[in-house]
């Protein structure tokens, strides 16, 4: 996303943009019905942002979603194990954690 040099780009916005980019890559190959997202920042505004970007996907955005939803837990464990690998493996990890057209990004 292009921004003016005077705009503030904080870590939450950077995380949101990374998640949106990841979801775009996934939905290019997989039909996603529901996505469970471990929130960064305010869950309600983050969910609205995601719903505007992807109106056909139902989003569950919660703090500590990785503790409440199995797909998020699997993604968190996989993320920790894969942290040192190349960034292009992140898309494969998220796709491998999907179950019945459900995805998780944490």
N, C-alpha and C. Protein backbone atom coordinates (compact mmCIF):
# COMPACT_ATOMS: atom_id res chain seq x y z
N UNK A 1 0.84 -1.16 0.00
CA UNK A 1 0.00 0.00 0.00
C UNK A 1 0.89 1.23 0.00
N UNK A 2 0.65 2.17 -0.89
CA UNK A 2 1.45 3.39 -0.96
C UNK A 2 0.90 4.42 0.01
N UNK A 3 1.81 5.07 0.70
CA UNK A 3 1.43 6.09 1.68
C UNK A 3 2.28 7.32 1.46
N UNK A 4 1.76 8.47 1.88
CA UNK A 4 2.54 9.70 1.85
C UNK A 4 3.66 9.59 2.87
N UNK A 5 4.77 10.23 2.60
CA UNK A 5 5.91 10.13 3.50
C UNK A 5 5.61 10.72 4.88
N UNK A 6 4.58 11.56 4.98
CA UNK A 6 4.23 12.17 6.27
C UNK A 6 3.26 11.30 7.07
N UNK A 7 2.70 10.25 6.45
CA UNK A 7 1.77 9.37 7.15
C UNK A 7 2.52 8.49 8.14
N UNK A 8 1.87 8.21 9.25
CA UNK A 8 2.42 7.29 10.24
C UNK A 8 1.97 5.89 9.86
N UNK A 9 2.91 4.97 9.82
CA UNK A 9 2.62 3.58 9.47
C UNK A 9 3.08 2.73 10.66
N UNK A 10 2.13 2.40 11.54
CA UNK A 10 2.51 1.70 12.76
C UNK A 10 2.54 0.19 12.56
N UNK A 11 3.00 -0.53 13.58
CA UNK A 11 3.14 -1.98 13.48
C UNK A 11 1.80 -2.69 13.31
N UNK A 12 0.73 -2.17 13.92
CA UNK A 12 -0.58 -2.79 13.73
C UNK A 12 -1.01 -2.71 12.27
N UNK A 13 -0.86 -1.53 11.66
CA UNK A 13 -1.23 -1.37 10.25
C UNK A 13 -0.36 -2.26 9.36
N UNK A 14 0.91 -2.37 9.70
CA UNK A 14 1.80 -3.22 8.93
C UNK A 14 1.35 -4.68 9.02
N UNK A 15 0.96 -5.11 10.21
CA UNK A 15 0.47 -6.47 10.40
C UNK A 15 -0.83 -6.70 9.64
N UNK A 16 -1.74 -5.72 9.68
CA UNK A 16 -3.00 -5.82 8.94
C UNK A 16 -2.72 -5.97 7.45
N UNK A 17 -1.83 -5.14 6.92
CA UNK A 17 -1.52 -5.19 5.49
C UNK A 17 -0.89 -6.53 5.11
N UNK A 18 -0.03 -7.06 5.98
CA UNK A 18 0.58 -8.37 5.70
C UNK A 18 -0.48 -9.47 5.69
N UNK A 19 -1.43 -9.40 6.62
CA UNK A 19 -2.50 -10.39 6.66
C UNK A 19 -3.37 -10.29 5.41
N UNK A 20 -3.72 -9.09 5.00
CA UNK A 20 -4.52 -8.90 3.80
C UNK A 20 -3.80 -9.44 2.57
N UNK A 21 -2.50 -9.20 2.47
CA UNK A 21 -1.72 -9.72 1.36
C UNK A 21 -1.72 -11.25 1.37
N UNK A 22 -1.55 -11.84 2.53
CA UNK A 22 -1.56 -13.30 2.66
C UNK A 22 -2.91 -13.88 2.26
N UNK A 23 -4.00 -13.24 2.73
CA UNK A 23 -5.34 -13.73 2.38
C UNK A 23 -5.56 -13.63 0.88
N UNK A 24 -5.13 -12.54 0.25
CA UNK A 24 -5.27 -12.40 -1.21
C UNK A 24 -4.58 -13.55 -1.94
N UNK A 25 -3.39 -13.91 -1.49
CA UNK A 25 -2.66 -15.00 -2.13
C UNK A 25 -3.38 -16.33 -1.93
N UNK A 26 -3.94 -16.52 -0.76
CA UNK A 26 -4.64 -17.78 -0.48
C UNK A 26 -5.93 -17.89 -1.28
N UNK A 27 -6.74 -16.82 -1.30
CA UNK A 27 -8.03 -16.90 -2.00
C UNK A 27 -7.87 -16.99 -3.51
N UNK A 28 -6.68 -16.73 -4.01
CA UNK A 28 -6.43 -16.93 -5.44
C UNK A 28 -6.41 -18.41 -5.79
N UNK A 29 -6.21 -19.27 -4.77
CA UNK A 29 -6.09 -20.71 -5.00
C UNK A 29 -7.12 -21.56 -4.25
N UNK A 30 -7.72 -20.99 -3.21
CA UNK A 30 -8.59 -21.76 -2.33
C UNK A 30 -9.85 -20.95 -2.04
N UNK A 31 -11.01 -21.61 -2.05
CA UNK A 31 -12.24 -20.93 -1.65
C UNK A 31 -12.29 -20.91 -0.12
N UNK A 32 -12.33 -19.73 0.44
CA UNK A 32 -12.34 -19.56 1.90
C UNK A 32 -13.72 -19.07 2.32
N UNK A 33 -14.34 -19.78 3.25
CA UNK A 33 -15.64 -19.37 3.78
C UNK A 33 -15.49 -18.59 5.08
N UNK A 34 -14.62 -19.08 5.96
CA UNK A 34 -14.44 -18.48 7.28
C UNK A 34 -12.96 -18.36 7.57
N UNK A 35 -12.55 -17.24 8.14
CA UNK A 35 -11.16 -17.04 8.54
C UNK A 35 -11.13 -16.62 10.00
N UNK A 36 -10.30 -17.30 10.77
CA UNK A 36 -10.10 -16.99 12.19
C UNK A 36 -8.81 -16.20 12.32
N UNK A 37 -8.91 -15.00 12.85
CA UNK A 37 -7.77 -14.10 12.92
C UNK A 37 -7.49 -13.73 14.37
N UNK A 38 -6.25 -13.94 14.78
CA UNK A 38 -5.80 -13.48 16.10
C UNK A 38 -5.50 -12.00 15.95
N UNK A 39 -6.22 -11.17 16.66
CA UNK A 39 -6.20 -9.74 16.42
C UNK A 39 -4.89 -9.06 16.79
N UNK A 40 -4.63 -8.00 16.08
CA UNK A 40 -3.60 -7.03 16.42
C UNK A 40 -4.35 -5.70 16.47
N UNK A 41 -4.47 -5.12 17.64
CA UNK A 41 -5.23 -3.88 17.77
C UNK A 41 -6.69 -4.17 18.10
N UNK A 42 -7.54 -3.23 17.77
CA UNK A 42 -8.96 -3.32 18.07
C UNK A 42 -9.63 -4.38 17.18
N UNK A 43 -10.23 -5.41 17.79
CA UNK A 43 -10.81 -6.49 16.97
C UNK A 43 -11.96 -6.05 16.07
N UNK A 44 -12.81 -5.15 16.55
CA UNK A 44 -13.97 -4.73 15.75
C UNK A 44 -13.53 -3.95 14.50
N UNK A 45 -12.62 -3.00 14.67
CA UNK A 45 -12.20 -2.22 13.50
C UNK A 45 -11.39 -3.07 12.53
N UNK A 46 -10.60 -4.01 13.05
CA UNK A 46 -9.83 -4.92 12.21
C UNK A 46 -10.77 -5.82 11.41
N UNK A 47 -11.82 -6.33 12.07
CA UNK A 47 -12.79 -7.18 11.38
C UNK A 47 -13.50 -6.40 10.28
N UNK A 48 -13.91 -5.17 10.56
CA UNK A 48 -14.57 -4.35 9.52
C UNK A 48 -13.63 -4.12 8.33
N UNK A 49 -12.36 -3.87 8.62
CA UNK A 49 -11.37 -3.66 7.56
C UNK A 49 -11.26 -4.91 6.68
N UNK A 50 -11.19 -6.08 7.31
CA UNK A 50 -11.10 -7.33 6.55
C UNK A 50 -12.37 -7.60 5.76
N UNK A 51 -13.53 -7.33 6.36
CA UNK A 51 -14.80 -7.55 5.66
C UNK A 51 -14.96 -6.63 4.47
N UNK A 52 -14.42 -5.42 4.53
CA UNK A 52 -14.45 -4.52 3.36
C UNK A 52 -13.58 -5.07 2.23
N UNK A 53 -12.43 -5.62 2.59
CA UNK A 53 -11.51 -6.17 1.59
C UNK A 53 -12.02 -7.48 0.99
N UNK A 54 -12.68 -8.29 1.82
CA UNK A 54 -13.11 -9.64 1.41
C UNK A 54 -14.57 -9.86 1.82
N UNK A 55 -15.51 -9.28 1.10
CA UNK A 55 -16.92 -9.35 1.53
C UNK A 55 -17.53 -10.75 1.51
N UNK A 56 -16.92 -11.70 0.82
CA UNK A 56 -17.49 -13.06 0.76
C UNK A 56 -16.97 -13.98 1.87
N UNK A 57 -16.04 -13.48 2.68
CA UNK A 57 -15.47 -14.30 3.75
C UNK A 57 -16.04 -13.86 5.09
N UNK A 58 -16.43 -14.83 5.91
CA UNK A 58 -16.85 -14.54 7.28
C UNK A 58 -15.60 -14.53 8.16
N UNK A 59 -15.39 -13.46 8.90
CA UNK A 59 -14.21 -13.33 9.74
C UNK A 59 -14.57 -13.43 11.21
N UNK A 60 -13.75 -14.16 11.94
CA UNK A 60 -13.81 -14.21 13.39
C UNK A 60 -12.49 -13.61 13.85
N UNK A 61 -12.56 -12.39 14.39
CA UNK A 61 -11.36 -11.67 14.80
C UNK A 61 -11.41 -11.48 16.31
N UNK A 62 -10.50 -12.11 17.01
CA UNK A 62 -10.49 -12.05 18.48
C UNK A 62 -9.08 -12.00 19.01
N UNK A 63 -8.93 -11.39 20.15
CA UNK A 63 -7.68 -11.48 20.88
C UNK A 63 -7.57 -12.89 21.43
N UNK A 64 -6.40 -13.48 21.33
CA UNK A 64 -6.15 -14.84 21.80
C UNK A 64 -6.96 -15.88 21.02
N UNK A 65 -7.25 -15.61 19.75
CA UNK A 65 -7.98 -16.58 18.92
C UNK A 65 -7.22 -17.90 18.82
N UNK A 66 -5.90 -17.83 18.93
CA UNK A 66 -5.13 -19.07 18.85
C UNK A 66 -5.40 -20.00 20.04
N UNK A 67 -5.89 -19.45 21.13
CA UNK A 67 -6.25 -20.27 22.29
C UNK A 67 -7.69 -20.79 22.20
N UNK A 68 -8.51 -20.16 21.36
CA UNK A 68 -9.93 -20.49 21.30
C UNK A 68 -10.35 -21.31 20.08
N UNK A 69 -9.54 -21.31 19.02
CA UNK A 69 -9.92 -21.97 17.78
C UNK A 69 -8.78 -22.84 17.27
N UNK A 70 -9.10 -24.09 16.99
CA UNK A 70 -8.08 -25.05 16.55
C UNK A 70 -7.30 -24.59 15.31
N UNK A 71 -7.95 -24.02 14.27
CA UNK A 71 -7.15 -23.59 13.10
C UNK A 71 -6.12 -22.53 13.47
N UNK A 72 -6.48 -21.63 14.37
CA UNK A 72 -5.53 -20.60 14.81
C UNK A 72 -4.40 -21.22 15.62
N UNK A 73 -4.73 -22.18 16.46
CA UNK A 73 -3.70 -22.86 17.26
C UNK A 73 -2.71 -23.56 16.36
N UNK A 74 -3.21 -24.25 15.36
CA UNK A 74 -2.32 -24.96 14.43
C UNK A 74 -1.42 -23.97 13.68
N UNK A 75 -1.99 -22.85 13.27
CA UNK A 75 -1.19 -21.85 12.56
C UNK A 75 -0.13 -21.26 13.48
N UNK A 76 -0.46 -21.04 14.74
CA UNK A 76 0.52 -20.48 15.68
C UNK A 76 1.68 -21.43 15.91
N UNK A 77 1.38 -22.71 16.08
CA UNK A 77 2.44 -23.70 16.27
C UNK A 77 3.31 -23.78 15.01
N UNK A 78 2.65 -23.84 13.87
CA UNK A 78 3.39 -23.90 12.61
C UNK A 78 4.23 -22.66 12.38
N UNK A 79 3.70 -21.51 12.77
CA UNK A 79 4.42 -20.25 12.60
C UNK A 79 5.69 -20.25 13.42
N UNK A 80 5.61 -20.74 14.64
CA UNK A 80 6.79 -20.78 15.50
C UNK A 80 7.84 -21.70 14.90
N UNK A 81 7.42 -22.85 14.41
CA UNK A 81 8.37 -23.80 13.84
C UNK A 81 8.96 -23.32 12.52
N UNK A 82 8.21 -22.54 11.77
CA UNK A 82 8.64 -22.10 10.44
C UNK A 82 9.23 -20.69 10.43
N UNK A 83 9.32 -20.06 11.58
CA UNK A 83 9.72 -18.65 11.67
C UNK A 83 11.03 -18.35 10.94
N UNK A 84 11.97 -19.26 10.98
CA UNK A 84 13.28 -19.02 10.40
C UNK A 84 13.37 -19.32 8.91
N UNK A 85 12.31 -19.90 8.34
CA UNK A 85 12.35 -20.23 6.92
C UNK A 85 12.07 -19.00 6.07
N UNK A 86 12.22 -19.15 4.78
CA UNK A 86 12.01 -18.06 3.84
C UNK A 86 10.56 -17.59 3.86
N UNK A 87 10.30 -16.29 3.64
CA UNK A 87 8.93 -15.74 3.68
C UNK A 87 7.96 -16.40 2.72
N UNK A 88 8.42 -16.91 1.56
CA UNK A 88 7.47 -17.50 0.62
C UNK A 88 6.83 -18.77 1.17
N UNK A 89 7.40 -19.36 2.22
CA UNK A 89 6.81 -20.54 2.83
C UNK A 89 5.60 -20.21 3.69
N UNK A 90 5.40 -18.95 4.04
CA UNK A 90 4.28 -18.54 4.88
C UNK A 90 2.95 -18.86 4.20
N UNK A 91 2.86 -18.62 2.89
CA UNK A 91 1.62 -18.91 2.17
C UNK A 91 1.31 -20.40 2.22
N UNK A 92 2.32 -21.24 2.01
CA UNK A 92 2.11 -22.69 2.03
C UNK A 92 1.66 -23.14 3.42
N UNK A 93 2.24 -22.55 4.46
CA UNK A 93 1.87 -22.90 5.83
C UNK A 93 0.41 -22.58 6.08
N UNK A 94 -0.03 -21.39 5.70
CA UNK A 94 -1.43 -21.00 5.94
C UNK A 94 -2.37 -21.91 5.16
N UNK A 95 -2.01 -22.27 3.93
CA UNK A 95 -2.87 -23.13 3.14
C UNK A 95 -2.90 -24.54 3.73
N UNK A 96 -1.79 -25.00 4.31
CA UNK A 96 -1.78 -26.35 4.86
C UNK A 96 -2.57 -26.43 6.16
N UNK A 97 -2.81 -25.29 6.81
CA UNK A 97 -3.58 -25.27 8.06
C UNK A 97 -5.08 -25.18 7.81
N UNK A 98 -5.49 -25.02 6.56
CA UNK A 98 -6.91 -24.89 6.30
C UNK A 98 -7.60 -26.24 6.45
N UNK A 99 -8.82 -26.19 6.89
CA UNK A 99 -9.61 -27.40 7.06
C UNK A 99 -11.04 -27.08 6.68
N UNK A 100 -11.59 -27.77 5.72
CA UNK A 100 -12.96 -27.53 5.25
C UNK A 100 -13.19 -26.07 4.88
N UNK A 101 -12.30 -25.53 4.10
CA UNK A 101 -12.38 -24.15 3.62
C UNK A 101 -12.36 -23.13 4.76
N UNK A 102 -11.67 -23.46 5.82
CA UNK A 102 -11.48 -22.53 6.93
C UNK A 102 -9.99 -22.21 6.97
N UNK A 103 -9.66 -20.96 7.14
CA UNK A 103 -8.25 -20.60 7.23
C UNK A 103 -7.99 -19.88 8.52
N UNK A 104 -6.74 -19.77 8.86
CA UNK A 104 -6.34 -19.09 10.08
C UNK A 104 -5.10 -18.27 9.80
N UNK A 105 -5.10 -17.05 10.26
CA UNK A 105 -3.92 -16.21 10.20
C UNK A 105 -3.70 -15.67 11.59
N UNK A 106 -2.54 -15.90 12.13
CA UNK A 106 -2.28 -15.37 13.48
C UNK A 106 -0.93 -14.71 13.51
